[in-house]
N, C-alpha and C. Protein backbone atom coordinates (compact mmCIF):
# COMPACT_ATOMS: atom_id res chain seq x y z
N MET A 1 0.97 -1.17 0.00
CA MET A 1 -0.36 -0.05 -0.07
C MET A 1 0.83 1.26 0.12
N ASN A 2 0.42 2.45 -0.81
CA ASN A 2 1.50 3.60 -0.95
C ASN A 2 0.71 4.53 -0.11
N ALA A 3 1.19 4.94 1.00
CA ALA A 3 0.61 5.41 2.03
C ALA A 3 0.98 7.12 1.47
N GLU A 4 0.03 8.04 1.60
CA GLU A 4 0.45 9.71 1.19
C GLU A 4 0.57 10.21 2.55
N TYR A 5 0.81 11.53 3.39
CA TYR A 5 1.03 11.77 4.59
C TYR A 5 0.88 13.25 4.10
N TYR A 6 0.31 13.66 5.29
CA TYR A 6 -0.04 15.47 5.10
C TYR A 6 0.02 15.59 6.45
N ASP A 7 0.53 16.80 5.99
CA ASP A 7 0.47 18.02 7.70
C ASP A 7 -0.89 17.94 7.94
N ASP A 8 -2.07 18.71 7.49
CA ASP A 8 -3.09 18.75 7.59
C ASP A 8 -4.16 17.85 6.72
N ILE A 9 -5.35 17.82 7.03
CA ILE A 9 -6.68 17.02 6.44
C ILE A 9 -7.86 18.00 7.14
N ILE A 10 -8.12 18.52 5.89
CA ILE A 10 -9.42 19.24 6.48
C ILE A 10 -10.52 18.54 5.82
N ILE A 11 -11.69 18.52 6.29
CA ILE A 11 -12.78 17.74 6.07
C ILE A 11 -13.60 18.70 5.87
N GLY A 12 -14.17 18.80 4.34
CA GLY A 12 -15.29 19.96 4.28
C GLY A 12 -14.78 21.01 3.32
N GLY A 13 -15.68 21.23 2.15
CA GLY A 13 -15.37 22.66 1.78
C GLY A 13 -15.86 23.54 1.48
N GLY A 14 -16.66 23.77 2.84
CA GLY A 14 -17.21 25.01 3.39
C GLY A 14 -16.45 26.01 3.67
N LYS A 15 -16.93 27.28 3.80
CA LYS A 15 -16.46 28.53 4.15
C LYS A 15 -15.04 28.54 4.93
N ALA A 16 -15.06 27.62 6.11
CA ALA A 16 -13.69 28.09 6.91
C ALA A 16 -12.85 26.85 6.13
N GLY A 17 -13.06 25.50 5.41
CA GLY A 17 -12.12 24.96 4.72
C GLY A 17 -11.62 24.93 3.59
N LYS A 18 -12.23 26.08 2.43
CA LYS A 18 -12.23 26.81 1.64
C LYS A 18 -11.57 27.99 1.61
N THR A 19 -11.34 28.45 3.15
CA THR A 19 -10.31 29.48 3.68
C THR A 19 -8.53 29.00 3.97
N LEU A 20 -9.32 28.03 4.64
CA LEU A 20 -8.06 27.63 5.84
C LEU A 20 -7.27 26.45 4.91
N ALA A 21 -7.17 26.24 3.62
CA ALA A 21 -6.58 25.37 2.94
C ALA A 21 -5.96 26.12 2.11
N PRO A 22 -5.98 27.21 1.40
CA PRO A 22 -5.13 27.69 0.71
C PRO A 22 -3.98 28.27 1.68
N ALA A 23 -4.53 28.41 2.53
CA ALA A 23 -3.90 29.47 4.20
C ALA A 23 -2.52 28.89 4.13
N LEU A 24 -2.80 27.57 5.06
CA LEU A 24 -1.97 26.21 5.23
C LEU A 24 -1.17 25.75 3.84
N VAL A 25 -1.38 25.72 2.53
CA VAL A 25 -0.46 25.43 1.18
C VAL A 25 0.60 26.69 1.54
N THR A 26 -0.17 28.04 1.37
CA THR A 26 0.90 28.99 1.56
C THR A 26 2.20 28.83 2.27
N ALA A 27 1.60 28.63 3.55
CA ALA A 27 2.28 28.45 4.80
C ALA A 27 3.27 27.17 4.42
N GLY A 28 3.74 26.57 3.69
CA GLY A 28 3.84 25.44 3.11
C GLY A 28 3.94 24.31 3.65
N ARG A 29 2.85 23.84 4.08
CA ARG A 29 2.16 22.38 4.83
C ARG A 29 1.55 22.07 3.57
N LYS A 30 1.83 20.81 4.10
CA LYS A 30 1.21 19.85 2.58
C LYS A 30 -0.52 19.46 3.35
N THR A 31 -1.19 20.02 2.46
CA THR A 31 -2.98 20.07 2.90
C THR A 31 -3.85 19.44 1.97
N ALA A 32 -4.50 18.03 2.72
CA ALA A 32 -5.78 17.53 1.66
C ALA A 32 -7.27 18.56 2.34
N LEU A 33 -7.39 18.66 1.03
CA LEU A 33 -9.13 19.19 1.48
C LEU A 33 -10.14 18.07 1.00
N VAL A 34 -10.47 17.66 1.73
CA VAL A 34 -11.96 16.16 1.59
C VAL A 34 -13.31 17.09 1.49
N GLU A 35 -14.13 16.70 0.08
CA GLU A 35 -15.34 17.20 0.22
C GLU A 35 -15.72 16.12 -0.78
N ARG A 36 -17.19 16.07 -0.49
CA ARG A 36 -17.87 14.67 -0.72
C ARG A 36 -18.08 15.50 -2.52
N SER A 37 -18.41 16.67 -2.56
CA SER A 37 -18.51 17.22 -4.22
C SER A 37 -18.13 18.59 -4.55
N LEU A 38 -17.70 18.30 -5.91
CA LEU A 38 -17.14 20.10 -6.08
C LEU A 38 -17.88 20.79 -6.02
N THR A 39 -19.30 20.55 -6.15
CA THR A 39 -20.67 21.35 -6.40
C THR A 39 -20.84 21.77 -4.98
N MET A 40 -20.34 21.63 -3.64
CA MET A 40 -20.31 22.14 -2.58
C MET A 40 -19.29 22.58 -1.91
N ILE A 41 -18.71 23.19 -2.67
CA ILE A 41 -17.29 24.12 -2.42
C ILE A 41 -18.03 24.99 -2.18
N GLY A 42 -17.51 26.13 -0.45
CA GLY A 42 -18.31 27.16 -0.29
C GLY A 42 -19.50 26.90 0.67
N GLY A 43 -19.57 25.44 0.62
CA GLY A 43 -20.73 25.56 1.88
C GLY A 43 -22.22 25.35 1.32
N THR A 44 -22.87 25.18 2.11
CA THR A 44 -24.29 25.18 2.24
C THR A 44 -24.57 26.85 2.29
N CYS A 45 -23.94 27.88 2.55
CA CYS A 45 -25.06 29.22 1.92
C CYS A 45 -24.90 29.13 0.77
N ILE A 46 -23.38 29.01 0.54
CA ILE A 46 -23.48 29.54 -1.24
C ILE A 46 -24.13 28.39 -1.79
N ASN A 47 -24.58 27.23 -1.76
CA ASN A 47 -24.62 26.65 -2.69
C ASN A 47 -26.12 25.97 -2.74
N VAL A 48 -26.66 26.24 -1.26
CA VAL A 48 -28.77 25.77 -1.03
C VAL A 48 -29.02 26.65 -0.19
N ALA A 49 -28.35 27.52 0.87
CA ALA A 49 -29.46 28.25 1.50
C ALA A 49 -29.11 29.72 1.64
N GLY A 50 -28.43 30.21 1.93
CA GLY A 50 -28.40 32.11 1.86
C GLY A 50 -28.22 32.48 0.63
N ILE A 51 -27.40 32.66 -0.30
CA ILE A 51 -27.24 32.61 -1.77
C ILE A 51 -28.47 32.54 -2.94
N PRO A 52 -28.92 31.28 -2.64
CA PRO A 52 -29.56 31.04 -3.55
C PRO A 52 -31.49 31.48 -3.26
N THR A 53 -31.76 31.66 -1.83
CA THR A 53 -32.80 31.92 -1.31
C THR A 53 -32.83 33.75 -1.64
N LYS A 54 -31.72 34.29 -1.09
CA LYS A 54 -31.50 35.73 -1.32
C LYS A 54 -31.54 36.49 -2.84
N THR A 55 -31.38 35.18 -3.81
CA THR A 55 -31.26 35.75 -5.34
C THR A 55 -32.70 35.56 -5.73
N MET A 56 -33.49 34.44 -5.15
CA MET A 56 -34.61 34.64 -5.69
C MET A 56 -36.03 35.68 -5.14
N VAL A 57 -35.62 36.12 -3.82
CA VAL A 57 -35.75 37.32 -3.04
C VAL A 57 -35.80 38.34 -3.95
N ALA A 58 -35.03 38.59 -4.28
CA ALA A 58 -34.33 40.26 -5.49
C ALA A 58 -35.17 39.76 -6.54
N SER A 59 -35.67 38.75 -6.91
CA SER A 59 -35.85 38.69 -8.33
C SER A 59 -37.58 39.06 -8.10
N ALA A 60 -38.04 38.37 -6.91
CA ALA A 60 -39.28 38.88 -6.27
C ALA A 60 -39.52 40.47 -6.28
N LYS A 61 -38.80 41.10 -5.42
CA LYS A 61 -38.57 42.53 -5.11
C LYS A 61 -38.16 43.41 -6.66
N VAL A 62 -37.83 42.58 -7.32
CA VAL A 62 -37.89 43.36 -9.07
C VAL A 62 -39.21 43.82 -9.52
N ALA A 63 -39.37 42.33 -9.17
CA ALA A 63 -41.19 42.06 -9.86
C ALA A 63 -42.19 43.11 -9.66
N ASP A 64 -42.11 43.41 -7.85
CA ASP A 64 -42.82 43.92 -7.10
C ASP A 64 -42.69 45.63 -7.59
N ILE A 65 -41.44 45.61 -7.58
CA ILE A 65 -41.27 46.78 -7.71
C ILE A 65 -41.48 47.49 -9.28
N VAL A 66 -41.37 46.95 -9.96
CA VAL A 66 -42.04 46.92 -11.41
C VAL A 66 -43.39 46.81 -11.61
N ARG A 67 -44.01 45.87 -10.75
CA ARG A 67 -45.58 45.82 -10.93
C ARG A 67 -45.93 47.47 -9.73
N ASN A 68 -45.59 48.36 -9.25
CA ASN A 68 -45.85 49.14 -8.39
C ASN A 68 -45.07 50.49 -8.80
N SER A 69 -44.57 50.65 -9.90
CA SER A 69 -43.81 51.67 -10.06
C SER A 69 -44.70 52.85 -10.83
N ALA A 70 -45.90 52.49 -11.09
CA ALA A 70 -46.87 53.85 -11.62
C ALA A 70 -46.48 55.15 -10.37
N ALA A 71 -46.87 54.32 -8.98
CA ALA A 71 -47.18 54.89 -7.89
C ALA A 71 -45.60 56.05 -7.77
N TYR A 72 -45.03 55.51 -8.51
CA TYR A 72 -43.55 56.79 -8.54
C TYR A 72 -43.31 57.17 -9.88
N GLY A 73 -44.53 57.60 -10.76
CA GLY A 73 -44.37 58.25 -11.40
C GLY A 73 -43.50 57.22 -12.82
N VAL A 74 -43.53 56.18 -13.00
CA VAL A 74 -43.01 55.52 -14.06
C VAL A 74 -43.87 54.12 -14.39
N ASN A 75 -44.10 54.41 -15.83
CA ASN A 75 -45.54 53.67 -16.15
C ASN A 75 -44.70 52.52 -17.16
N THR A 76 -45.08 51.06 -16.28
CA THR A 76 -44.41 49.87 -17.28
C THR A 76 -45.75 49.01 -17.59
N ASN A 77 -45.20 48.31 -18.45
CA ASN A 77 -46.20 47.30 -18.34
C ASN A 77 -46.06 46.27 -17.30
N THR A 78 -47.13 45.04 -17.40
CA THR A 78 -47.13 44.27 -16.09
C THR A 78 -46.13 43.61 -16.19
N PRO A 79 -45.40 43.01 -15.27
CA PRO A 79 -44.07 41.94 -15.22
C PRO A 79 -44.64 40.55 -15.73
N MET A 80 -43.49 39.83 -16.44
CA MET A 80 -44.14 38.57 -16.95
C MET A 80 -42.99 38.10 -16.29
N ILE A 81 -43.10 37.27 -15.45
CA ILE A 81 -42.06 36.64 -14.72
C ILE A 81 -42.14 34.94 -15.51
N ASN A 82 -40.40 35.01 -15.65
CA ASN A 82 -39.72 33.33 -15.91
C ASN A 82 -39.32 32.81 -15.01
N LEU A 83 -40.51 32.01 -14.62
CA LEU A 83 -39.99 31.16 -13.53
C LEU A 83 -38.50 30.41 -13.79
N ALA A 84 -38.35 30.03 -14.84
CA ALA A 84 -37.06 28.94 -15.25
C ALA A 84 -35.95 29.96 -14.81
N ALA A 85 -36.19 30.98 -15.55
CA ALA A 85 -35.24 31.70 -15.16
C ALA A 85 -34.71 32.14 -13.96
N VAL A 86 -35.80 32.47 -13.19
CA VAL A 86 -36.03 32.68 -11.60
C VAL A 86 -35.06 31.58 -11.21
N ILE A 87 -35.48 30.47 -11.13
CA ILE A 87 -34.72 29.40 -10.79
C ILE A 87 -33.42 28.91 -11.03
N GLN A 88 -33.08 29.22 -12.51
CA GLN A 88 -31.46 29.15 -13.07
C GLN A 88 -30.79 30.26 -12.36
N THR A 89 -31.34 31.46 -12.29
CA THR A 89 -30.35 32.30 -11.14
C THR A 89 -29.41 32.15 -10.00
N PRO A 90 -29.92 31.73 -9.77
CA PRO A 90 -29.12 31.37 -7.72
C PRO A 90 -28.44 30.24 -8.38
N LEU A 91 -28.67 29.19 -8.98
CA LEU A 91 -27.79 27.95 -9.50
C LEU A 91 -26.61 29.19 -10.34
N LEU A 92 -26.67 29.96 -10.74
CA LEU A 92 -25.49 29.80 -11.87
C LEU A 92 -24.62 31.44 -10.52
N VAL A 93 -25.66 32.17 -9.68
CA VAL A 93 -24.87 32.73 -8.99
C VAL A 93 -23.79 32.03 -7.90
N ALA A 94 -24.31 30.57 -7.63
CA ALA A 94 -23.90 29.99 -6.95
C ALA A 94 -22.53 29.38 -7.75
N GLU A 95 -22.69 29.07 -8.39
CA GLU A 95 -21.34 28.53 -9.65
C GLU A 95 -20.61 29.75 -9.64
N ARG A 96 -20.90 31.03 -9.79
CA ARG A 96 -20.14 31.77 -10.26
C ARG A 96 -19.37 32.12 -8.32
N SER A 97 -19.67 31.92 -7.51
CA SER A 97 -19.16 32.32 -6.15
C SER A 97 -18.34 30.96 -5.96
N ARG A 98 -18.43 29.53 -6.47
CA ARG A 98 -17.68 28.36 -6.15
C ARG A 98 -16.40 28.67 -7.12
N GLY A 99 -16.67 29.15 -8.56
CA GLY A 99 -15.80 29.43 -8.86
C GLY A 99 -14.81 30.18 -8.43
N ALA A 100 -14.84 31.20 -7.81
CA ALA A 100 -14.22 32.36 -7.52
C ALA A 100 -13.46 32.22 -6.40
N THR A 101 -14.20 30.79 -5.79
CA THR A 101 -13.30 30.52 -4.43
C THR A 101 -12.63 28.94 -4.21
N CYS A 102 -13.01 28.63 -5.37
CA CYS A 102 -12.69 26.79 -5.40
C CYS A 102 -11.31 26.80 -5.53
N ILE A 103 -11.16 25.96 -4.62
CA ILE A 103 -9.43 25.45 -4.68
C ILE A 103 -9.26 24.27 -5.80
N SER A 104 -8.03 24.85 -6.14
CA SER A 104 -7.62 23.87 -7.30
C SER A 104 -7.15 22.40 -6.95
N VAL A 105 -7.08 21.80 -7.63
CA VAL A 105 -6.95 20.24 -6.67
C VAL A 105 -5.17 20.18 -6.76
N SER A 106 -4.93 20.88 -7.70
CA SER A 106 -3.40 20.61 -8.18
C SER A 106 -2.83 21.56 -7.02
N PHE A 107 -3.50 22.45 -6.68
CA PHE A 107 -3.33 23.80 -5.48
C PHE A 107 -2.75 22.83 -4.48
N LEU A 108 -3.34 21.84 -4.26
CA LEU A 108 -3.49 21.10 -2.61
C LEU A 108 -2.02 20.41 -2.94
N LYS A 109 -1.80 19.45 -3.98
CA LYS A 109 -0.65 18.76 -4.17
C LYS A 109 0.39 18.93 -3.47
């Protein structure tokens, strides 16, 4: 059996793991980050909870502002809500967030 030895093993690619791993590598430590899915780098907030929810709430607020814009002297048509796009938007935001913070596997070697 060919064993690998690490100075640090981080379990989970959430906020702490994705922040700590590069710092340890930069400090010269051999570090492994264990995450069951690359689509969960960044943790629950980025991928499932906070950011996706806030993005959908923002879509609802925009629709509400447009719907009530006449009260502010702006006449518009009734908003047409594309539910598929509303659902897709948080997925794209999460993907961009992961891409901005994702740790390269080669970076940890």
